[in-house]
Amino acid sequence: MKYQEALLELGEYTVVLSWSKNQTCSINELNEFKLLQELVDKATPKKPIEEIDSYDDFDCSVHYCPNCKNEVDEAYCPACGQAIDWSE
């Protein structure tokens, strides 16, 4: 959550700086802010999507990344880097 707090403070600073200079944020600044938001979102653990697959006579749980839908079984998605929350 420290990442999110830092991002919010950066956003507030950017707005104040723009207001004090009587100008708006540049496209580059907005793109950088969006990139930071994406990194914060990926660092924030999310629950995996669980699906039950049936094989012959038994059911098996398969988990997928909530971000890119890749199959996951670790703390981070190997495809996109999304942090996975495995807590019950």
N, C-alpha and C. Protein backbone atom coordinates (compact mmCIF):
# COMPACT_ATOMS: atom_id res chain seq x y z
N MET A 1 0.81 -1.21 0.00
CA MET A 1 0.00 0.00 0.00
C MET A 1 0.85 1.27 0.00
N LYS A 2 2.13 1.17 0.34
CA LYS A 2 2.99 2.35 0.30
C LYS A 2 3.13 2.87 -1.12
N TYR A 3 3.12 1.95 -2.11
CA TYR A 3 3.19 2.37 -3.51
C TYR A 3 2.00 3.24 -3.86
N GLN A 4 0.81 2.81 -3.43
CA GLN A 4 -0.41 3.56 -3.74
C GLN A 4 -0.37 4.93 -3.08
N GLU A 5 0.08 4.99 -1.83
CA GLU A 5 0.18 6.27 -1.13
C GLU A 5 1.14 7.21 -1.85
N ALA A 6 2.29 6.68 -2.27
CA ALA A 6 3.26 7.51 -2.99
C ALA A 6 2.69 8.01 -4.31
N LEU A 7 1.95 7.15 -5.00
CA LEU A 7 1.34 7.55 -6.27
C LEU A 7 0.31 8.65 -6.06
N LEU A 8 -0.49 8.54 -5.02
CA LEU A 8 -1.49 9.57 -4.72
C LEU A 8 -0.81 10.90 -4.37
N GLU A 9 0.27 10.83 -3.59
CA GLU A 9 0.99 12.05 -3.25
C GLU A 9 1.60 12.69 -4.50
N LEU A 10 2.14 11.87 -5.39
CA LEU A 10 2.70 12.38 -6.64
C LEU A 10 1.61 13.05 -7.47
N GLY A 11 0.44 12.45 -7.53
CA GLY A 11 -0.67 13.03 -8.27
C GLY A 11 -1.09 14.36 -7.70
N GLU A 12 -1.18 14.45 -6.37
CA GLU A 12 -1.54 15.71 -5.72
C GLU A 12 -0.47 16.77 -5.99
N TYR A 13 0.80 16.38 -5.92
CA TYR A 13 1.91 17.30 -6.19
C TYR A 13 1.84 17.83 -7.62
N THR A 14 1.56 16.94 -8.57
CA THR A 14 1.48 17.33 -9.97
C THR A 14 0.34 18.32 -10.20
N VAL A 15 -0.80 18.07 -9.56
CA VAL A 15 -1.94 18.98 -9.70
C VAL A 15 -1.60 20.34 -9.11
N VAL A 16 -0.99 20.36 -7.92
CA VAL A 16 -0.63 21.63 -7.27
C VAL A 16 0.40 22.37 -8.12
N LEU A 17 1.41 21.66 -8.61
CA LEU A 17 2.44 22.28 -9.44
C LEU A 17 1.82 22.86 -10.71
N SER A 18 0.93 22.12 -11.35
CA SER A 18 0.28 22.62 -12.56
C SER A 18 -0.57 23.85 -12.26
N TRP A 19 -1.28 23.82 -11.13
CA TRP A 19 -2.13 24.94 -10.77
C TRP A 19 -1.29 26.17 -10.47
N SER A 20 -0.16 25.97 -9.76
CA SER A 20 0.66 27.12 -9.39
C SER A 20 1.33 27.75 -10.61
N LYS A 21 1.58 26.96 -11.65
CA LYS A 21 2.16 27.50 -12.88
C LYS A 21 1.08 27.88 -13.89
N ASN A 22 -0.20 27.70 -13.47
CA ASN A 22 -1.34 28.01 -14.32
C ASN A 22 -1.26 27.28 -15.66
N GLN A 23 -0.96 26.00 -15.59
CA GLN A 23 -0.90 25.19 -16.80
C GLN A 23 -1.39 23.78 -16.49
N THR A 24 -1.65 23.03 -17.51
CA THR A 24 -2.10 21.66 -17.31
C THR A 24 -0.92 20.70 -17.48
N CYS A 25 -1.12 19.46 -17.08
CA CYS A 25 -0.08 18.44 -17.22
C CYS A 25 0.15 18.13 -18.69
N SER A 26 1.38 17.82 -19.02
CA SER A 26 1.70 17.44 -20.39
C SER A 26 1.28 16.00 -20.62
N ILE A 27 1.18 15.61 -21.89
CA ILE A 27 0.85 14.23 -22.25
C ILE A 27 1.90 13.29 -21.67
N ASN A 28 3.16 13.68 -21.71
CA ASN A 28 4.24 12.86 -21.16
C ASN A 28 4.05 12.62 -19.67
N GLU A 29 3.69 13.68 -18.93
CA GLU A 29 3.45 13.54 -17.48
C GLU A 29 2.28 12.60 -17.22
N LEU A 30 1.22 12.72 -18.02
CA LEU A 30 0.07 11.84 -17.85
C LEU A 30 0.43 10.39 -18.16
N ASN A 31 1.23 10.16 -19.20
CA ASN A 31 1.66 8.81 -19.54
C ASN A 31 2.51 8.21 -18.43
N GLU A 32 3.40 9.01 -17.84
CA GLU A 32 4.23 8.54 -16.74
C GLU A 32 3.37 8.19 -15.54
N PHE A 33 2.35 9.02 -15.26
CA PHE A 33 1.45 8.76 -14.15
C PHE A 33 0.68 7.46 -14.39
N LYS A 34 0.22 7.24 -15.62
CA LYS A 34 -0.50 6.00 -15.94
C LYS A 34 0.40 4.78 -15.80
N LEU A 35 1.66 4.92 -16.20
CA LEU A 35 2.61 3.82 -16.05
C LEU A 35 2.83 3.50 -14.58
N LEU A 36 2.99 4.53 -13.76
CA LEU A 36 3.14 4.31 -12.32
C LEU A 36 1.90 3.63 -11.74
N GLN A 37 0.71 4.04 -12.18
CA GLN A 37 -0.52 3.43 -11.69
C GLN A 37 -0.57 1.95 -12.07
N GLU A 38 -0.14 1.62 -13.29
CA GLU A 38 -0.10 0.23 -13.74
C GLU A 38 0.85 -0.59 -12.86
N LEU A 39 2.01 -0.03 -12.54
CA LEU A 39 2.97 -0.74 -11.69
C LEU A 39 2.42 -0.94 -10.28
N VAL A 40 1.74 0.07 -9.76
CA VAL A 40 1.12 -0.06 -8.44
C VAL A 40 0.04 -1.14 -8.47
N ASP A 41 -0.77 -1.16 -9.52
CA ASP A 41 -1.82 -2.17 -9.64
C ASP A 41 -1.25 -3.58 -9.69
N LYS A 42 -0.16 -3.77 -10.42
CA LYS A 42 0.46 -5.10 -10.51
C LYS A 42 1.11 -5.52 -9.20
N ALA A 43 1.61 -4.56 -8.43
CA ALA A 43 2.25 -4.87 -7.16
C ALA A 43 1.23 -5.16 -6.06
N THR A 44 -0.02 -4.75 -6.28
CA THR A 44 -1.08 -5.00 -5.31
C THR A 44 -1.65 -6.39 -5.55
N PRO A 45 -1.47 -7.33 -4.60
CA PRO A 45 -1.95 -8.70 -4.81
C PRO A 45 -3.45 -8.77 -5.06
N LYS A 46 -3.82 -9.59 -6.04
CA LYS A 46 -5.23 -9.82 -6.37
C LYS A 46 -5.50 -11.32 -6.32
N LYS A 47 -6.72 -11.67 -5.97
CA LYS A 47 -7.12 -13.07 -5.92
C LYS A 47 -7.11 -13.67 -7.32
N PRO A 48 -6.63 -14.91 -7.45
CA PRO A 48 -6.68 -15.56 -8.75
C PRO A 48 -8.11 -15.97 -9.08
N ILE A 49 -8.37 -16.15 -10.36
CA ILE A 49 -9.66 -16.65 -10.81
C ILE A 49 -9.58 -18.17 -10.75
N GLU A 50 -10.51 -18.78 -10.02
CA GLU A 50 -10.50 -20.24 -9.87
C GLU A 50 -11.56 -20.87 -10.76
N GLU A 51 -11.16 -21.89 -11.47
CA GLU A 51 -12.09 -22.68 -12.27
C GLU A 51 -11.87 -24.15 -11.95
N ILE A 52 -12.93 -24.89 -12.00
CA ILE A 52 -12.87 -26.33 -11.74
C ILE A 52 -12.91 -27.06 -13.07
N ASP A 53 -11.88 -27.82 -13.33
CA ASP A 53 -11.83 -28.66 -14.54
C ASP A 53 -12.06 -30.10 -14.14
N SER A 54 -12.82 -30.82 -14.94
CA SER A 54 -13.09 -32.23 -14.67
C SER A 54 -12.22 -33.10 -15.57
N TYR A 55 -11.52 -34.02 -14.94
CA TYR A 55 -10.70 -34.99 -15.65
C TYR A 55 -11.14 -36.39 -15.23
N ASP A 56 -11.69 -37.13 -16.18
CA ASP A 56 -12.17 -38.49 -15.92
C ASP A 56 -13.10 -38.50 -14.71
N ASP A 57 -12.63 -39.06 -13.59
CA ASP A 57 -13.50 -39.23 -12.41
C ASP A 57 -13.24 -38.22 -11.29
N PHE A 58 -12.44 -37.19 -11.54
CA PHE A 58 -12.16 -36.25 -10.45
C PHE A 58 -12.13 -34.81 -10.98
N ASP A 59 -12.34 -33.88 -10.04
CA ASP A 59 -12.31 -32.44 -10.36
C ASP A 59 -10.98 -31.85 -9.91
N CYS A 60 -10.49 -30.89 -10.64
CA CYS A 60 -9.21 -30.24 -10.36
C CYS A 60 -9.39 -28.72 -10.44
N SER A 61 -8.85 -28.01 -9.43
CA SER A 61 -8.89 -26.55 -9.45
C SER A 61 -7.75 -26.01 -10.30
N VAL A 62 -8.07 -25.07 -11.15
CA VAL A 62 -7.07 -24.38 -11.95
C VAL A 62 -7.23 -22.90 -11.66
N HIS A 63 -6.11 -22.20 -11.47
CA HIS A 63 -6.15 -20.78 -11.13
C HIS A 63 -5.56 -19.95 -12.26
N TYR A 64 -6.21 -18.80 -12.51
CA TYR A 64 -5.79 -17.92 -13.59
C TYR A 64 -5.55 -16.51 -13.05
N CYS A 65 -4.61 -15.82 -13.67
CA CYS A 65 -4.29 -14.44 -13.31
C CYS A 65 -5.51 -13.55 -13.58
N PRO A 66 -5.89 -12.70 -12.62
CA PRO A 66 -7.01 -11.79 -12.84
C PRO A 66 -6.70 -10.69 -13.85
N ASN A 67 -5.42 -10.51 -14.16
CA ASN A 67 -5.00 -9.46 -15.07
C ASN A 67 -4.94 -9.93 -16.52
N CYS A 68 -4.22 -11.04 -16.76
CA CYS A 68 -4.00 -11.48 -18.15
C CYS A 68 -4.61 -12.85 -18.46
N LYS A 69 -5.20 -13.50 -17.47
CA LYS A 69 -5.88 -14.80 -17.62
C LYS A 69 -4.93 -15.97 -17.88
N ASN A 70 -3.62 -15.77 -17.64
CA ASN A 70 -2.64 -16.85 -17.76
C ASN A 70 -2.79 -17.76 -16.54
N GLU A 71 -2.54 -19.05 -16.71
CA GLU A 71 -2.60 -19.98 -15.58
C GLU A 71 -1.48 -19.64 -14.59
N VAL A 72 -1.81 -19.60 -13.28
CA VAL A 72 -0.83 -19.26 -12.25
C VAL A 72 -0.84 -20.28 -11.12
N ASP A 73 0.32 -20.42 -10.49
CA ASP A 73 0.42 -21.26 -9.28
C ASP A 73 1.54 -20.74 -8.37
N GLU A 74 1.96 -19.51 -8.57
CA GLU A 74 3.03 -18.89 -7.80
C GLU A 74 2.57 -17.54 -7.24
N ALA A 75 3.47 -16.85 -6.57
CA ALA A 75 3.15 -15.55 -5.97
C ALA A 75 2.95 -14.45 -7.00
N TYR A 76 3.55 -14.64 -8.19
CA TYR A 76 3.43 -13.66 -9.27
C TYR A 76 3.10 -14.38 -10.56
N CYS A 77 2.32 -13.73 -11.41
CA CYS A 77 2.02 -14.30 -12.72
C CYS A 77 3.29 -14.27 -13.56
N PRO A 78 3.68 -15.41 -14.14
CA PRO A 78 4.89 -15.42 -14.95
C PRO A 78 4.73 -14.66 -16.27
N ALA A 79 3.51 -14.41 -16.70
CA ALA A 79 3.28 -13.73 -17.98
C ALA A 79 3.29 -12.21 -17.85
N CYS A 80 2.62 -11.68 -16.82
CA CYS A 80 2.48 -10.22 -16.73
C CYS A 80 3.05 -9.62 -15.45
N GLY A 81 3.40 -10.45 -14.45
CA GLY A 81 3.99 -9.96 -13.22
C GLY A 81 3.00 -9.56 -12.15
N GLN A 82 1.70 -9.79 -12.37
CA GLN A 82 0.68 -9.45 -11.38
C GLN A 82 0.93 -10.23 -10.09
N ALA A 83 0.93 -9.53 -8.95
CA ALA A 83 1.05 -10.19 -7.65
C ALA A 83 -0.26 -10.93 -7.36
N ILE A 84 -0.13 -12.18 -6.89
CA ILE A 84 -1.31 -13.02 -6.63
C ILE A 84 -1.50 -13.20 -5.13
N ASP A 85 -2.72 -13.03 -4.67
CA ASP A 85 -3.09 -13.19 -3.27
C ASP A 85 -3.68 -14.58 -3.08
N TRP A 86 -2.93 -15.46 -2.44
CA TRP A 86 -3.36 -16.85 -2.23
C TRP A 86 -4.04 -17.05 -0.88
N SER A 87 -4.20 -16.00 -0.09
CA SER A 87 -4.83 -16.17 1.22
C SER A 87 -6.30 -16.57 1.06
N GLU A 88 -6.78 -17.28 2.06
CA GLU A 88 -8.18 -17.76 2.02
C GLU A 88 -9.12 -16.67 2.39
